[in-house]
Amino acid sequence: MRRPAHVLAKGIAITSGTITSAATIMVLVFAAFVTIPFAFIQELGLGLAVAVLLDATVVRSVLLPSTMTLLGDWNWWLPPFLRWLPRVTIEGDPEMELRPEPVPVRADD
């Protein structure tokens, strides 16, 4: 069940706008902390802004695709202690297809 590289590229392309927008907002908010006159808050704001910026650029654009390509099917391995998690799919499970129950019609309606 090896997923081709174009599938990874499509997934990253679909989510990149949302991730970039959220990261931009977070970087601006954390960078605003630098203007507060407390040294601890300034350091915290600068550190968080740089960390989010690196995560949104380097990690998401370089490390994530390369790691997923190298790992292949191991990306989707679920450890045995997490087997209790429900299996959720976009398409749904054809074996579990829900059919609506017929509604009984009353004679006095």
Protein backbone atom coordinates (compact mmCIF):
# COMPACT_ATOMS: atom_id res chain seq x y z
CA MET A 1 0.00 0.00 0.00
CA ARG A 2 2.76 2.42 -0.91
CA ARG A 3 1.49 5.91 -1.57
CA PRO A 4 3.16 7.70 -4.49
CA ALA A 5 4.97 10.99 -4.04
CA HIS A 6 2.32 12.94 -5.95
CA VAL A 7 -0.21 12.01 -3.26
CA LEU A 8 2.04 13.51 -0.58
CA ALA A 9 2.56 16.61 -2.70
CA LYS A 10 -1.20 17.01 -3.18
CA GLY A 11 -1.87 16.65 0.55
CA ILE A 12 0.75 19.20 1.45
CA ALA A 13 -0.49 21.58 -1.26
CA ILE A 14 -4.05 21.36 0.04
CA THR A 15 -3.09 22.08 3.65
CA SER A 16 -0.28 24.57 3.05
CA GLY A 17 -2.54 27.63 2.81
CA THR A 18 -4.19 26.97 6.15
CA ILE A 19 -0.92 26.16 7.88
CA THR A 20 0.83 29.22 6.44
CA SER A 21 -2.04 31.52 7.43
CA ALA A 22 -2.15 30.20 10.99
CA ALA A 23 1.63 30.40 11.29
CA THR A 24 1.64 33.99 10.00
CA ILE A 25 -0.92 35.05 12.57
CA MET A 26 0.99 33.30 15.37
CA VAL A 27 4.32 34.85 14.33
CA LEU A 28 2.77 38.34 14.27
CA VAL A 29 1.15 37.88 17.68
CA PHE A 30 4.34 36.52 19.24
CA ALA A 31 6.41 39.23 17.58
CA ALA A 32 4.12 41.82 19.17
CA PHE A 33 5.23 40.50 22.56
CA VAL A 34 8.68 41.96 21.81
CA THR A 35 7.22 45.46 22.23
CA ILE A 36 6.14 44.80 25.83
CA PRO A 37 8.62 46.37 28.31
CA PHE A 38 9.26 43.15 30.28
CA ALA A 39 12.42 41.28 29.30
CA PHE A 40 10.93 37.86 30.04
CA ILE A 41 7.92 38.47 27.79
CA GLN A 42 10.16 39.88 25.04
CA GLU A 43 12.38 36.78 25.11
CA LEU A 44 9.37 34.48 25.15
CA GLY A 45 7.73 36.29 22.24
CA LEU A 46 10.88 36.29 20.13
CA GLY A 47 11.59 32.64 20.85
CA LEU A 48 8.05 31.54 20.01
CA ALA A 49 7.95 33.67 16.84
CA VAL A 50 11.20 32.15 15.57
CA ALA A 51 10.09 28.62 16.52
CA VAL A 52 6.75 28.92 14.70
CA LEU A 53 8.43 30.50 11.67
CA LEU A 54 10.97 27.66 11.46
CA ASP A 55 8.25 25.04 11.92
CA ALA A 56 6.03 26.52 9.23
CA THR A 57 8.85 26.90 6.70
CA VAL A 58 11.63 24.38 7.21
CA VAL A 59 9.81 21.55 8.93
CA ARG A 60 6.62 21.62 6.88
CA SER A 61 8.24 22.25 3.50
CA VAL A 62 11.43 20.16 3.75
CA LEU A 63 11.42 17.66 6.61
CA LEU A 64 7.80 16.51 6.42
CA PRO A 65 7.73 15.53 2.71
CA SER A 66 11.19 13.96 2.77
CA THR A 67 10.48 11.95 5.94
CA MET A 68 7.12 10.76 4.62
CA THR A 69 8.72 9.71 1.33
CA LEU A 70 11.49 7.80 3.10
CA LEU A 71 9.19 6.07 5.58
CA GLY A 72 6.62 4.97 3.00
CA ASP A 73 4.05 2.63 4.58
CA TRP A 74 5.54 3.12 8.04
CA ASN A 75 3.81 6.54 8.10
CA TRP A 76 0.51 4.76 8.57
CA TRP A 77 1.60 2.19 11.18
CA LEU A 78 -0.53 2.25 14.32
CA PRO A 79 1.02 0.86 17.52
CA PRO A 80 -0.93 -1.97 19.18
CA PHE A 81 -1.78 0.11 22.27
CA LEU A 82 -3.72 2.54 20.03
CA ARG A 83 -5.85 -0.09 18.28
CA TRP A 84 -8.85 1.07 20.32
CA LEU A 85 -9.06 4.28 18.26
CA PRO A 86 -11.98 4.33 15.83
CA ARG A 87 -11.19 4.00 12.14
CA VAL A 88 -12.40 7.11 10.36
CA THR A 89 -12.39 7.44 6.58
CA ILE A 90 -13.63 10.12 4.26
CA GLU A 91 -15.37 7.66 1.99
CA GLY A 92 -16.86 5.60 4.78
CA ASP A 93 -16.75 1.86 5.24
CA PRO A 94 -18.93 0.09 2.65
CA GLU A 95 -19.58 -2.75 5.09
CA MET A 96 -20.95 -0.30 7.64
CA GLU A 97 -23.20 1.57 5.22
CA LEU A 98 -26.16 2.98 7.06
CA ARG A 99 -29.54 2.54 5.52
CA PRO A 100 -32.42 4.63 6.79
CA GLU A 101 -35.01 2.71 8.73
CA PRO A 102 -38.49 2.81 7.22
CA VAL A 103 -40.80 5.14 9.07
CA PRO A 104 -44.07 3.46 10.00
CA VAL A 105 -47.11 5.26 8.65
CA ARG A 106 -49.97 5.55 11.08
CA ALA A 107 -53.52 5.18 9.78
CA ASP A 108 -54.81 8.32 11.54
CA ASP A 109 -52.27 10.67 9.86
